[in-house]
Structure formats: C-alpha cells, structure tokens
Amino acid sequence: MREKTNLYLLTGFLGAGKTTLLTNILEDLSGEKVGIIMNEFGKVGIDGNIIRKDGIELVELNRGSIFCSCLKISFAQAMMEMADRGLRYLFVESSGLADPSNIGEIMNAVKEFKGDVYEYKGAICLVDGVHFPEQINDLETVERQIKHCHLAVISKVDLIDESTLEKIKSKIREINAIVEIQTSVFGKLNYDFLKEDLMKNQWAEGESSTNTPENKPKSLTLTFQGQIKKEDLTRFLDKISGNAYRIKGFFNLNDGWNQVDVVNSRIDYKLSHKNETESQLVIISKIGPAIIKNIFDAWNEVIGEEMKLRN
C-alpha cells in the first residue's frame, strides 16, 4: 500500500508572509520530495519565481482563488496530477484573497477520483501582525482564514509592541478558540508542527466559500521596458498604494533588479538575481477599475515613460 502524501494548506491575507514562510519550510525539508501548488490572484504569477527550485514539483494557478467556482476544478485536477508524483509533502499556498471554507468539498472530490492518497495535515494561517487590526474590521476573508485554520502564525512581530501582539492573539481566540498560535519574524518559526497532529485543532465545519466570480477584485499587470530610479518608483507606488490591496513584482532599478513588495503604505525592496527583458508589477485594486486612472496619472506624473497596463 503506497504511503499517503502529507498535505498542508497555507493561508493568510495579501502580504502576510506566506511565500517567505514556505521558502523556509522548504529549506527544512531539503531532503524530501516536495510539491507546491501556488495560487495567485493576478494574471501573472510572481511568487512562483521566488519559490522555484530544482527538484520541486510546482504548479501555478493564477487569475482567482482556488476555492472559487472559477478555479476549484483546476485546483482539484492539479491535486490529482500531483498525487501521481510520489511526493512526501504537498504544500498549497492559496491567494491572500482566498476563503478556504470549502477545502473539505474539494478534498472529497479528489478522493472520489484518486482514492485516499492525501493525509490532510491542516491549514496554517499567516496573520499579518502589522496590518491585521485594520484588515479584520474590513475583510470577511481574513476572519474566514482564521476560522478554518489549525495553526495561526502571527508574522512581523518584530514590528509591533507587546500590547498589540496580545490584542491580536485575543482576536484570533475570539474567532477560533482552540487554534495553536505561534509568532514569526522573517518567516522563521518552530517547524515541529510537521510532526504534530494539527487536525486536533479542528474548530469549524466546512461551509461555502465567499469567493465567487462576482466579488473578484480587479487585478492588473503593469509592464515596463527600461530602468528607472528606485526613488521614482517609490514616489509612484506611494501615489497608488492606498487604492490597492497588494502590489508586487520585479523591477529593473538603478541598483539592479529588485523584488518589490507593497502592503498598504509599506514598500519593501530586495535585490534579485532575476534578469528579464521587462519589469512587471501585479496590482490588486481596492476600488475596482477606478484604479486604472490613478495608475496612469501617477505614472505619467512621476515617470513619464511608456508602460503597458493590462487585465
């Protein structure tokens, strides 16, 4: 009888640190055969370029949430394909906008076609220590992610004080009374959870996901050929970030190629070995198509060179 593949789901709102955490987990499992299903909301996958390594089985599912009717069949198919690759672990990194409430329904569909090939080890939810207090008041998705997780990891705790941390823990407990809570800085945490039974923290029954084609936020991709100054890109991002849930990508700047990561007003740059012919930014709008004018106005004011913006 073949050994089941250990399946983990990584959730957490945009910019919480899922890809950074997953990168560190992969380092810890460097001797194991690991697969990844990576789900991004934009048309262009960015995080797959960060996580891609030799020996890693990687499938990318873009343009929506894997728990929405628009992608859940593709998600189930990807899991069925991965089941034939002899993996020890499969990690599913869902979009930050994903509501995983219906993961049980999708798992049952996979079991129906492929048999009992996966051992669902639980959902790990990244909670953004800096932005969570604002997010939880505005976004049902954030609450659903916590409600249906089996391990909550509060990220960026180096950027918040003890009082804020305790308030976040209290709010998590209000939503999910029995989940284990850990803290993390730069995606580092105790990986003993890989040996534990996280499913003992099962708290909520499955339910319909709130992800639907109708409530899908607007996602745009900005592309640019050439090089600009980092301070100019920062000025441009400052002018549009208030209208975006998330902005991320790779950009050719005066100090070289940079990985660009924007959450709310916080802009992070990280030098990258990427060397492409064009820069790309994925922008997920808070205000629907109205952000298009905002982007063009800000770009023309600050940069003034030709760029392309597409759905």
C-alpha atoms as a PDB file:
ATOM      1  CA  MET A   1       0.000   0.000   0.000  1.00  0.00           C
ATOM      2  CA  ARG A   2       1.512   3.329  -1.041  1.00  0.00           C
ATOM      3  CA  GLU A   3       2.227   5.993   1.554  1.00  0.00           C
ATOM      4  CA  LYS A   4      -0.093   8.976   1.614  1.00  0.00           C
ATOM      5  CA  THR A   5       1.197  12.444   0.753  1.00  0.00           C
ATOM      6  CA  ASN A   6       1.130  14.909   3.656  1.00  0.00           C
ATOM      7  CA  LEU A   7      -0.958  17.895   2.553  1.00  0.00           C
ATOM      8  CA  TYR A   8      -0.680  21.358   4.133  1.00  0.00           C
ATOM      9  CA  LEU A   9      -2.648  24.463   3.191  1.00  0.00           C
ATOM     10  CA  LEU A  10      -1.048  27.906   3.678  1.00  0.00           C
ATOM     11  CA  THR A  11      -3.485  30.789   4.011  1.00  0.00           C
ATOM     12  CA  GLY A  12      -3.219  34.416   5.104  1.00  0.00           C
ATOM     13  CA  PHE A  13      -4.123  37.784   3.641  1.00  0.00           C
ATOM     14  CA  LEU A  14      -2.069  39.546   0.968  1.00  0.00           C
ATOM     15  CA  GLY A  15       1.431  40.371   2.191  1.00  0.00           C
ATOM     16  CA  ALA A  16       1.261  38.372   5.426  1.00  0.00           C
ATOM     17  CA  GLY A  17       4.404  36.387   4.537  1.00  0.00           C
ATOM     18  CA  LYS A  18       3.197  33.035   3.151  1.00  0.00           C
ATOM     19  CA  THR A  19       5.877  32.727   0.475  1.00  0.00           C
ATOM     20  CA  THR A  20       8.656  33.658   2.914  1.00  0.00           C
ATOM     21  CA  LEU A  21       7.413  31.036   5.375  1.00  0.00           C
ATOM     22  CA  LEU A  22       7.150  28.424   2.628  1.00  0.00           C
ATOM     23  CA  THR A  23      10.701  29.176   1.446  1.00  0.00           C
ATOM     24  CA  ASN A  24      11.981  28.467   4.966  1.00  0.00           C
ATOM     25  CA  ILE A  25       9.932  25.266   5.290  1.00  0.00           C
ATOM     26  CA  LEU A  26      11.396  24.015   2.004  1.00  0.00           C
ATOM     27  CA  GLU A  27      14.902  24.594   3.363  1.00  0.00           C
ATOM     28  CA  ASP A  28      13.973  22.438   6.363  1.00  0.00           C
ATOM     29  CA  LEU A  29      12.662  19.699   4.050  1.00  0.00           C
ATOM     30  CA  SER A  30      15.512  19.830   1.541  1.00  0.00           C
ATOM     31  CA  GLY A  31      15.951  16.043   1.609  1.00  0.00           C
ATOM     32  CA  GLU A  32      12.271  15.272   0.951  1.00  0.00           C
ATOM     33  CA  LYS A  33      10.281  15.080  -2.278  1.00  0.00           C
ATOM     34  CA  VAL A  34       8.013  18.123  -2.095  1.00  0.00           C
ATOM     35  CA  GLY A  35       5.330  19.551  -4.343  1.00  0.00           C
ATOM     36  CA  ILE A  36       3.768  23.014  -4.365  1.00  0.00           C
ATOM     37  CA  ILE A  37       0.511  24.314  -5.774  1.00  0.00           C
ATOM     38  CA  MET A  38       0.791  28.091  -5.829  1.00  0.00           C
ATOM     39  CA  ASN A  39      -2.303  30.217  -6.260  1.00  0.00           C
ATOM     40  CA  GLU A  40      -2.041  33.904  -7.162  1.00  0.00           C
ATOM     41  CA  PHE A  41      -4.823  36.340  -7.871  1.00  0.00           C
ATOM     42  CA  GLY A  42      -3.155  38.187 -10.703  1.00  0.00           C
ATOM     43  CA  LYS A  43      -2.802  37.017 -14.282  1.00  0.00           C
ATOM     44  CA  VAL A  44       0.984  36.861 -13.889  1.00  0.00           C
ATOM     45  CA  GLY A  45       2.476  34.585 -11.215  1.00  0.00           C
ATOM     46  CA  ILE A  46       5.155  36.357  -9.171  1.00  0.00           C
ATOM     47  CA  ASP A  47       5.770  34.107  -6.168  1.00  0.00           C
ATOM     48  CA  GLY A  48       6.490  31.039  -8.303  1.00  0.00           C
ATOM     49  CA  ASN A  49       9.662  32.804  -9.479  1.00  0.00           C
ATOM     50  CA  ILE A  50      10.712  33.239  -5.850  1.00  0.00           C
ATOM     51  CA  ILE A  51       9.987  29.693  -4.699  1.00  0.00           C
ATOM     52  CA  ARG A  52      11.101  27.752  -7.795  1.00  0.00           C
ATOM     53  CA  LYS A  53      13.970  25.351  -7.050  1.00  0.00           C
ATOM     54  CA  ASP A  54      15.494  22.241  -8.600  1.00  0.00           C
ATOM     55  CA  GLY A  55      13.640  19.114  -7.548  1.00  0.00           C
ATOM     56  CA  ILE A  56      10.468  20.956  -6.508  1.00  0.00           C
ATOM     57  CA  GLU A  57       7.270  19.963  -8.298  1.00  0.00           C
ATOM     58  CA  LEU A  58       5.487  23.296  -8.863  1.00  0.00           C
ATOM     59  CA  VAL A  59       2.066  24.033 -10.348  1.00  0.00           C
ATOM     60  CA  GLU A  60       0.798  27.634 -10.588  1.00  0.00           C
ATOM     61  CA  LEU A  61      -2.909  28.511 -10.678  1.00  0.00           C
ATOM     62  CA  ASN A  62      -3.475  32.208 -11.355  1.00  0.00           C
ATOM     63  CA  ARG A  63      -6.322  34.663 -12.008  1.00  0.00           C
ATOM     64  CA  GLY A  64      -8.524  33.967  -9.000  1.00  0.00           C
ATOM     65  CA  SER A  65      -8.977  31.931  -5.835  1.00  0.00           C
ATOM     66  CA  ILE A  66      -8.662  28.133  -5.933  1.00  0.00           C
ATOM     67  CA  PHE A  67     -11.745  27.965  -3.681  1.00  0.00           C
ATOM     68  CA  CYS A  68     -13.917  29.906  -6.152  1.00  0.00           C
ATOM     69  CA  SER A  69     -16.015  28.128  -8.778  1.00  0.00           C
ATOM     70  CA  CYS A  70     -13.770  29.798 -11.374  1.00  0.00           C
ATOM     71  CA  LEU A  71     -10.712  27.748 -10.303  1.00  0.00           C
ATOM     72  CA  LYS A  72     -11.705  24.950  -7.910  1.00  0.00           C
ATOM     73  CA  ILE A  73     -11.962  22.343 -10.688  1.00  0.00           C
ATOM     74  CA  SER A  74      -8.450  23.311 -11.843  1.00  0.00           C
ATOM     75  CA  PHE A  75      -7.301  23.046  -8.224  1.00  0.00           C
ATOM     76  CA  ALA A  76      -8.767  19.541  -7.832  1.00  0.00           C
ATOM     77  CA  GLN A  77      -7.174  18.491 -11.136  1.00  0.00           C
ATOM     78  CA  ALA A  78      -3.781  19.814 -10.027  1.00  0.00           C
ATOM     79  CA  MET A  79      -4.042  17.825  -6.788  1.00  0.00           C
ATOM     80  CA  MET A  80      -4.941  14.684  -8.744  1.00  0.00           C
ATOM     81  CA  GLU A  81      -1.930  15.162 -11.020  1.00  0.00           C
ATOM     82  CA  MET A  82       0.366  15.741  -8.033  1.00  0.00           C
ATOM     83  CA  ALA A  83      -0.913  12.506  -6.456  1.00  0.00           C
ATOM     84  CA  ASP A  84       0.952  10.508  -9.135  1.00  0.00           C
ATOM     85  CA  ARG A  85       4.365  12.089  -8.463  1.00  0.00           C
ATOM     86  CA  GLY A  86       5.360  10.156  -5.335  1.00  0.00           C
ATOM     87  CA  LEU A  87       5.514  13.222  -3.088  1.00  0.00           C
ATOM     88  CA  ARG A  88       6.173  13.110   0.637  1.00  0.00           C
ATOM     89  CA  TYR A  89       4.685  16.606   1.127  1.00  0.00           C
ATOM     90  CA  LEU A  90       2.362  18.828  -0.881  1.00  0.00           C
ATOM     91  CA  PHE A  91       2.014  22.470   0.153  1.00  0.00           C
ATOM     92  CA  VAL A  92      -0.810  24.566  -1.260  1.00  0.00           C
ATOM     93  CA  GLU A  93      -0.170  28.307  -0.982  1.00  0.00           C
ATOM     94  CA  SER A  94      -3.515  29.976  -1.580  1.00  0.00           C
ATOM     95  CA  SER A  95      -4.069  33.531  -2.751  1.00  0.00           C
ATOM     96  CA  GLY A  96      -4.229  36.118   0.002  1.00  0.00           C
ATOM     97  CA  LEU A  97      -7.825  36.771  -1.053  1.00  0.00           C
ATOM     98  CA  ALA A  98      -8.793  33.092  -0.755  1.00  0.00           C
ATOM     99  CA  ASP A  99     -11.545  31.883   1.587  1.00  0.00           C
ATOM    100  CA  PRO A 100     -10.736  28.190   2.291  1.00  0.00           C
ATOM    101  CA  SER A 101     -14.066  27.338   3.938  1.00  0.00           C
ATOM    102  CA  ASN A 102     -14.844  24.670   1.300  1.00  0.00           C
ATOM    103  CA  ILE A 103     -11.498  22.807   1.348  1.00  0.00           C
ATOM    104  CA  GLY A 104     -13.328  19.684   2.568  1.00  0.00           C
ATOM    105  CA  GLU A 105     -15.559  19.645  -0.513  1.00  0.00           C
ATOM    106  CA  ILE A 106     -12.533  19.815  -2.809  1.00  0.00           C
ATOM    107  CA  MET A 107     -10.659  17.122  -0.854  1.00  0.00           C
ATOM    108  CA  ASN A 108     -13.679  14.824  -1.142  1.00  0.00           C
ATOM    109  CA  ALA A 109     -13.758  15.329  -4.911  1.00  0.00           C
ATOM    110  CA  VAL A 110     -10.080  14.382  -5.185  1.00  0.00           C
ATOM    111  CA  LYS A 111     -10.648  11.308  -3.001  1.00  0.00           C
ATOM    112  CA  GLU A 112     -13.576  10.258  -5.186  1.00  0.00           C
ATOM    113  CA  PHE A 113     -11.348  10.132  -8.287  1.00  0.00           C
ATOM    114  CA  LYS A 114      -7.913   9.201  -6.898  1.00  0.00           C
ATOM    115  CA  GLY A 115      -8.687   7.347  -3.685  1.00  0.00           C
ATOM    116  CA  ASP A 116      -7.308   8.093  -0.234  1.00  0.00           C
ATOM    117  CA  VAL A 117      -3.981   9.493  -1.470  1.00  0.00           C
ATOM    118  CA  TYR A 118      -3.637  12.556   0.794  1.00  0.00           C
ATOM    119  CA  GLU A 119      -3.298  12.954   4.536  1.00  0.00           C
ATOM    120  CA  TYR A 120      -4.678  16.445   5.170  1.00  0.00           C
ATOM    121  CA  LYS A 121      -2.417  17.750   7.926  1.00  0.00           C
ATOM    122  CA  GLY A 122      -4.145  21.100   8.345  1.00  0.00           C
ATOM    123  CA  ALA A 123      -4.263  24.766   7.367  1.00  0.00           C
ATOM    124  CA  ILE A 124      -1.575  27.176   8.555  1.00  0.00           C
ATOM    125  CA  CYS A 125      -2.787  30.776   8.562  1.00  0.00           C
ATOM    126  CA  LEU A 126      -0.311  33.674   8.432  1.00  0.00           C
ATOM    127  CA  VAL A 127      -1.669  36.647  10.368  1.00  0.00           C
ATOM    128  CA  ASP A 128      -0.028  39.964   9.478  1.00  0.00           C
ATOM    129  CA  GLY A 129       0.998  41.471  12.820  1.00  0.00           C
ATOM    130  CA  VAL A 130       1.264  44.977  11.371  1.00  0.00           C
ATOM    131  CA  HIS A 131      -1.919  45.151   9.293  1.00  0.00           C
ATOM    132  CA  PHE A 132      -4.252  42.616  10.925  1.00  0.00           C
ATOM    133  CA  PRO A 133      -6.050  45.086  13.253  1.00  0.00           C
ATOM    134  CA  GLU A 134      -7.176  47.072  10.189  1.00  0.00           C
ATOM    135  CA  GLN A 135      -7.862  44.025   7.989  1.00  0.00           C
ATOM    136  CA  ILE A 136     -10.084  42.181  10.443  1.00  0.00           C
ATOM    137  CA  ASN A 137     -12.540  45.084  10.600  1.00  0.00           C
ATOM    138  CA  ASP A 138     -12.882  45.383   6.819  1.00  0.00           C
ATOM    139  CA  LEU A 139     -12.471  41.931   5.292  1.00  0.00           C
ATOM    140  CA  GLU A 140     -14.536  38.802   5.929  1.00  0.00           C
ATOM    141  CA  THR A 141     -11.863  36.768   4.116  1.00  0.00           C
ATOM    142  CA  VAL A 142      -9.386  37.361   6.957  1.00  0.00           C
ATOM    143  CA  GLU A 143     -11.865  36.065   9.543  1.00  0.00           C
ATOM    144  CA  ARG A 144     -12.689  33.007   7.414  1.00  0.00           C
ATOM    145  CA  GLN A 145      -8.982  32.166   7.052  1.00  0.00           C
ATOM    146  CA  ILE A 146      -8.554  32.159  10.829  1.00  0.00           C
ATOM    147  CA  LYS A 147     -11.821  30.323  11.467  1.00  0.00           C
ATOM    148  CA  HIS A 148     -10.752  27.426   9.238  1.00  0.00           C
ATOM    149  CA  CYS A 149      -7.082  27.143  10.229  1.00  0.00           C
ATOM    150  CA  HIS A 150      -5.330  24.663  12.540  1.00  0.00           C
ATOM    151  CA  LEU A 151      -2.208  26.713  13.277  1.00  0.00           C
ATOM    152  CA  ALA A 152      -2.131  30.526  13.373  1.00  0.00           C
ATOM    153  CA  VAL A 153       1.250  32.198  12.869  1.00  0.00           C
ATOM    154  CA  ILE A 154       1.479  35.910  13.662  1.00  0.00           C
ATOM    155  CA  SER A 155       4.140  37.369  11.354  1.00  0.00           C
ATOM    156  CA  LYS A 156       6.236  40.553  11.607  1.00  0.00           C
ATOM    157  CA  VAL A 157       6.133  40.554  15.413  1.00  0.00           C
ATOM    158  CA  ASP A 158       9.416  42.486  15.405  1.00  0.00           C
ATOM    159  CA  LEU A 159       7.440  45.463  14.071  1.00  0.00           C
ATOM    160  CA  ILE A 160       4.741  45.571  16.776  1.00  0.00           C
ATOM    161  CA  ASP A 161       4.716  46.041  20.554  1.00  0.00           C
ATOM    162  CA  GLU A 162       3.630  43.508  23.169  1.00  0.00           C
ATOM    163  CA  SER A 163       0.260  45.163  23.717  1.00  0.00           C
ATOM    164  CA  THR A 164      -0.628  44.928  20.012  1.00  0.00           C
ATOM    165  CA  LEU A 165       0.510  41.298  19.931  1.00  0.00           C
ATOM    166  CA  GLU A 166      -1.760  40.404  22.864  1.00  0.00           C
ATOM    167  CA  LYS A 167      -4.725  42.145  21.224  1.00  0.00           C
ATOM    168  CA  ILE A 168      -4.141  40.148  18.030  1.00  0.00           C
ATOM    169  CA  LYS A 169      -3.955  36.889  19.978  1.00  0.00           C
ATOM    170  CA  SER A 170      -7.171  37.773  21.772  1.00  0.00           C
ATOM    171  CA  LYS A 171      -8.956  38.476  18.476  1.00  0.00           C
ATOM    172  CA  ILE A 172      -7.720  35.209  16.986  1.00  0.00           C
ATOM    173  CA  ARG A 173      -9.062  33.363  20.049  1.00  0.00           C
ATOM    174  CA  GLU A 174     -12.387  35.138  19.617  1.00  0.00           C
ATOM    175  CA  ILE A 175     -12.667  33.684  16.094  1.00  0.00           C
ATOM    176  CA  ASN A 176     -11.022  30.293  16.703  1.00  0.00           C
ATOM    177  CA  ALA A 177     -10.967  29.289  20.354  1.00  0.00           C
ATOM    178  CA  ILE A 178      -8.658  26.257  20.165  1.00  0.00           C
ATOM    179  CA  VAL A 179      -6.114  27.002  17.432  1.00  0.00           C
ATOM    180  CA  GLU A 180      -2.438  26.901  18.374  1.00  0.00           C
ATOM    181  CA  ILE A 181      -0.769  30.329  17.978  1.00  0.00           C
ATOM    182  CA  GLN A 182       2.895  30.887  17.122  1.00  0.00           C
ATOM    183  CA  THR A 183       4.836  34.031  16.260  1.00  0.00           C
ATOM    184  CA  SER A 184       7.310  34.590  13.456  1.00  0.00           C
ATOM    185  CA  VAL A 185       9.960  37.033  12.261  1.00  0.00           C
ATOM    186  CA  PHE A 186      11.145  36.831   8.625  1.00  0.00           C
ATOM    187  CA  GLY A 187       9.210  33.599   8.136  1.00  0.00           C
ATOM    188  CA  LYS A 188      11.093  31.719  10.871  1.00  0.00           C
ATOM    189  CA  LEU A 189       9.218  29.538  13.343  1.00  0.00           C
ATOM    190  CA  ASN A 190       9.326  26.185  15.101  1.00  0.00           C
ATOM    191  CA  TYR A 191       8.841  23.532  12.422  1.00  0.00           C
ATOM    192  CA  ASP A 192       7.885  20.851  14.927  1.00  0.00           C
ATOM    193  CA  PHE A 193       4.330  21.265  13.633  1.00  0.00           C
ATOM    194  CA  LEU A 194       5.392  18.947  10.781  1.00  0.00           C
ATOM    195  CA  LYS A 195       5.492  16.135  13.360  1.00  0.00           C
ATOM    196  CA  GLU A 196       2.296  17.132  15.170  1.00  0.00           C
ATOM    197  CA  ASP A 197      -1.389  16.385  14.623  1.00  0.00           C
ATOM    198  CA  LEU A 198      -2.672  19.869  13.795  1.00  0.00           C
ATOM    199  CA  MET A 199      -6.091  18.442  12.986  1.00  0.00           C
ATOM    200  CA  LYS A 200      -6.732  18.112  16.707  1.00  0.00           C
ATOM    201  CA  ASN A 201      -7.389  21.859  16.441  1.00  0.00           C
ATOM    202  CA  GLN A 202     -10.298  21.389  14.023  1.00  0.00           C
ATOM    203  CA  TRP A 203     -12.769  24.074  15.080  1.00  0.00           C
ATOM    204  CA  ALA A 204     -15.261  24.782  12.320  1.00  0.00           C
ATOM    205  CA  GLU A 205     -17.289  22.664   9.923  1.00  0.00           C
ATOM    206  CA  GLY A 206     -16.835  23.260   6.201  1.00  0.00           C
ATOM    207  CA  GLU A 207     -19.078  25.828   4.527  1.00  0.00           C
ATOM    208  CA  SER A 208     -19.480  27.567   1.191  1.00  0.00           C
ATOM    209  CA  SER A 209     -16.588  29.843   0.269  1.00  0.00           C
ATOM    210  CA  THR A 210     -17.280  33.552  -0.023  1.00  0.00           C
ATOM    211  CA  ASN A 211     -15.045  33.585  -3.139  1.00  0.00           C
ATOM    212  CA  THR A 212     -17.261  33.989  -6.195  1.00  0.00           C
ATOM    213  CA  PRO A 213     -16.664  35.322  -9.723  1.00  0.00           C
ATOM    214  CA  GLU A 214     -18.951  38.251  -8.865  1.00  0.00           C
ATOM    215  CA  ASN A 215     -16.884  39.546  -5.919  1.00  0.00           C
ATOM    216  CA  LYS A 216     -13.494  39.004  -7.534  1.00  0.00           C
ATOM    217  CA  PRO A 217     -11.324  42.155  -7.097  1.00  0.00           C
ATOM    218  CA  LYS A 218      -9.760  43.827 -10.133  1.00  0.00           C
ATOM    219  CA  SER A 219      -6.222  42.664 -10.867  1.00  0.00           C
ATOM    220  CA  LEU A 220      -3.875  44.478 -13.290  1.00  0.00           C
ATOM    221  CA  THR A 221      -0.347  43.901 -14.591  1.00  0.00           C
ATOM    222  CA  LEU A 222       1.969  46.832 -15.283  1.00  0.00           C
ATOM    223  CA  THR A 223       4.926  46.114 -17.590  1.00  0.00           C
ATOM    224  CA  PHE A 224       7.840  48.415 -18.424  1.00  0.00           C
ATOM    225  CA  GLN A 225      10.960  48.074 -20.557  1.00  0.00           C
ATOM    226  CA  GLY A 226      13.882  50.068 -19.307  1.00  0.00           C
ATOM    227  CA  GLN A 227      15.343  51.154 -15.993  1.00  0.00           C
ATOM    228  CA  ILE A 228      14.235  53.819 -13.521  1.00  0.00           C
ATOM    229  CA  LYS A 229      15.465  55.189 -10.213  1.00  0.00           C
ATOM    230  CA  LYS A 230      14.320  53.460  -7.057  1.00  0.00           C
ATOM    231  CA  GLU A 231      13.212  56.764  -5.537  1.00  0.00           C
ATOM    232  CA  ASP A 232      10.997  57.413  -8.583  1.00  0.00           C
ATOM    233  CA  LEU A 233       9.318  54.005  -8.310  1.00  0.00           C
ATOM    234  CA  THR A 234       8.788  54.681  -4.606  1.00  0.00           C
ATOM    235  CA  ARG A 235       7.092  58.010  -5.397  1.00  0.00           C
ATOM    236  CA  PHE A 236       4.836  56.281  -7.935  1.00  0.00           C
ATOM    237  CA  LEU A 237       3.924  53.481  -5.514  1.00  0.00           C
ATOM    238  CA  ASP A 238       3.170  55.986  -2.755  1.00  0.00           C
ATOM    239  CA  LYS A 239       0.573  57.601  -5.019  1.00  0.00           C
ATOM    240  CA  ILE A 240      -1.315  54.345  -5.802  1.00  0.00           C
ATOM    241  CA  SER A 241      -0.786  52.069  -2.787  1.00  0.00           C
ATOM    242  CA  GLY A 242      -3.735  53.484  -0.849  1.00  0.00           C
ATOM    243  CA  ASN A 243      -6.072  52.150  -3.558  1.00  0.00           C
ATOM    244  CA  ALA A 244      -4.500  48.666  -3.750  1.00  0.00           C
ATOM    245  CA  TYR A 245      -4.723  45.609  -1.524  1.00  0.00           C
ATOM    246  CA  ARG A 246      -1.317  44.485  -2.746  1.00  0.00           C
ATOM    247  CA  ILE A 247       1.383  45.365  -5.279  1.00  0.00           C
ATOM    248  CA  LYS A 248       4.253  43.007  -6.027  1.00  0.00           C
ATOM    249  CA  GLY A 249       6.648  42.049  -8.780  1.00  0.00           C
ATOM    250  CA  PHE A 250      10.170  42.521 -10.135  1.00  0.00           C
ATOM    251  CA  PHE A 251      11.555  45.823 -11.386  1.00  0.00           C
ATOM    252  CA  ASN A 252      14.776  46.920 -13.073  1.00  0.00           C
ATOM    253  CA  LEU A 253      16.046  49.813 -10.940  1.00  0.00           C
ATOM    254  CA  ASN A 254      19.233  51.867 -10.838  1.00  0.00           C
ATOM    255  CA  ASP A 255      20.804  49.447  -8.323  1.00  0.00           C
ATOM    256  CA  GLY A 256      19.771  46.327 -10.306  1.00  0.00           C
ATOM    257  CA  TRP A 257      16.763  44.022 -10.419  1.00  0.00           C
ATOM    258  CA  ASN A 258      14.601  44.266  -7.308  1.00  0.00           C
ATOM    259  CA  GLN A 259      11.791  42.173  -5.889  1.00  0.00           C
ATOM    260  CA  VAL A 260       9.107  44.750  -4.992  1.00  0.00           C
ATOM    261  CA  ASP A 261       6.555  44.109  -2.249  1.00  0.00           C
ATOM    262  CA  VAL A 262       3.902  46.628  -1.192  1.00  0.00           C
ATOM    263  CA  VAL A 263       1.315  46.151   1.560  1.00  0.00           C
ATOM    264  CA  ASN A 264      -0.722  49.258   2.391  1.00  0.00           C
ATOM    265  CA  SER A 265       1.847  52.069   2.629  1.00  0.00           C
ATOM    266  CA  ARG A 266       4.830  49.799   3.399  1.00  0.00           C
ATOM    267  CA  ILE A 267       7.190  49.322   0.426  1.00  0.00           C
ATOM    268  CA  ASP A 268       9.953  46.706   0.577  1.00  0.00           C
ATOM    269  CA  TYR A 269      12.747  46.178  -1.933  1.00  0.00           C
ATOM    270  CA  LYS A 270      15.017  43.150  -2.140  1.00  0.00           C
ATOM    271  CA  LEU A 271      17.820  42.752  -4.682  1.00  0.00           C
ATOM    272  CA  SER A 272      17.140  39.837  -7.019  1.00  0.00           C
ATOM    273  CA  HIS A 273      19.137  37.654  -9.418  1.00  0.00           C
ATOM    274  CA  LYS A 274      16.272  37.891 -11.885  1.00  0.00           C
ATOM    275  CA  ASN A 275      17.349  39.260 -15.258  1.00  0.00           C
ATOM    276  CA  GLU A 276      14.432  39.705 -17.662  1.00  0.00           C
ATOM    277  CA  THR A 277      13.670  41.915 -20.632  1.00  0.00           C
ATOM    278  CA  GLU A 278      10.831  43.758 -18.879  1.00  0.00           C
ATOM    279  CA  SER A 279       9.719  44.750 -15.402  1.00  0.00           C
ATOM    280  CA  GLN A 280       6.348  43.570 -14.067  1.00  0.00           C
ATOM    281  CA  LEU A 281       4.104  44.640 -11.210  1.00  0.00           C
ATOM    282  CA  VAL A 282       0.844  42.925 -10.278  1.00  0.00           C
ATOM    283  CA  ILE A 283      -1.640  45.364  -8.705  1.00  0.00           C
ATOM    284  CA  ILE A 284      -4.790  44.171  -6.904  1.00  0.00           C
ATOM    285  CA  SER A 285      -7.292  47.000  -6.649  1.00  0.00           C
ATOM    286  CA  LYS A 286      -9.389  48.018  -3.635  1.00  0.00           C
ATOM    287  CA  ILE A 287     -11.530  50.329  -5.779  1.00  0.00           C
ATOM    288  CA  GLY A 288     -12.212  48.262  -8.871  1.00  0.00           C
ATOM    289  CA  PRO A 289     -11.479  49.663 -12.362  1.00  0.00           C
ATOM    290  CA  ALA A 290     -11.247  53.203 -10.936  1.00  0.00           C
ATOM    291  CA  ILE A 291      -7.616  52.452 -10.034  1.00  0.00           C
ATOM    292  CA  ILE A 292      -6.676  52.463 -13.739  1.00  0.00           C
ATOM    293  CA  LYS A 293      -6.855  56.276 -13.988  1.00  0.00           C
ATOM    294  CA  ASN A 294      -4.990  56.575 -10.672  1.00  0.00           C
ATOM    295  CA  ILE A 295      -2.163  54.375 -12.022  1.00  0.00           C
ATOM    296  CA  PHE A 296      -1.821  56.230 -15.339  1.00  0.00           C
ATOM    297  CA  ASP A 297      -1.967  59.668 -13.695  1.00  0.00           C
ATOM    298  CA  ALA A 298       0.669  58.746 -11.093  1.00  0.00           C
ATOM    299  CA  TRP A 299       2.948  57.071 -13.651  1.00  0.00           C
ATOM    300  CA  ASN A 300       2.813  59.984 -16.096  1.00  0.00           C
ATOM    301  CA  GLU A 301       3.450  62.481 -13.303  1.00  0.00           C
ATOM    302  CA  VAL A 302       6.442  60.643 -11.811  1.00  0.00           C
ATOM    303  CA  ILE A 303       7.967  58.505 -14.585  1.00  0.00           C
ATOM    304  CA  GLY A 304       6.633  59.903 -17.858  1.00  0.00           C
ATOM    305  CA  GLU A 305       7.886  56.996 -19.999  1.00  0.00           C
ATOM    306  CA  GLU A 306       5.815  54.422 -21.898  1.00  0.00           C
ATOM    307  CA  MET A 307       4.453  51.489 -19.927  1.00  0.00           C
ATOM    308  CA  LYS A 308       1.644  48.983 -20.528  1.00  0.00           C
ATOM    309  CA  LEU A 309      -1.227  48.148 -18.213  1.00  0.00           C
ATOM    310  CA  ARG A 310      -3.422  45.119 -18.891  1.00  0.00           C
ATOM    311  CA  ASN A 311      -6.007  42.907 -17.212  1.00  0.00           C
END
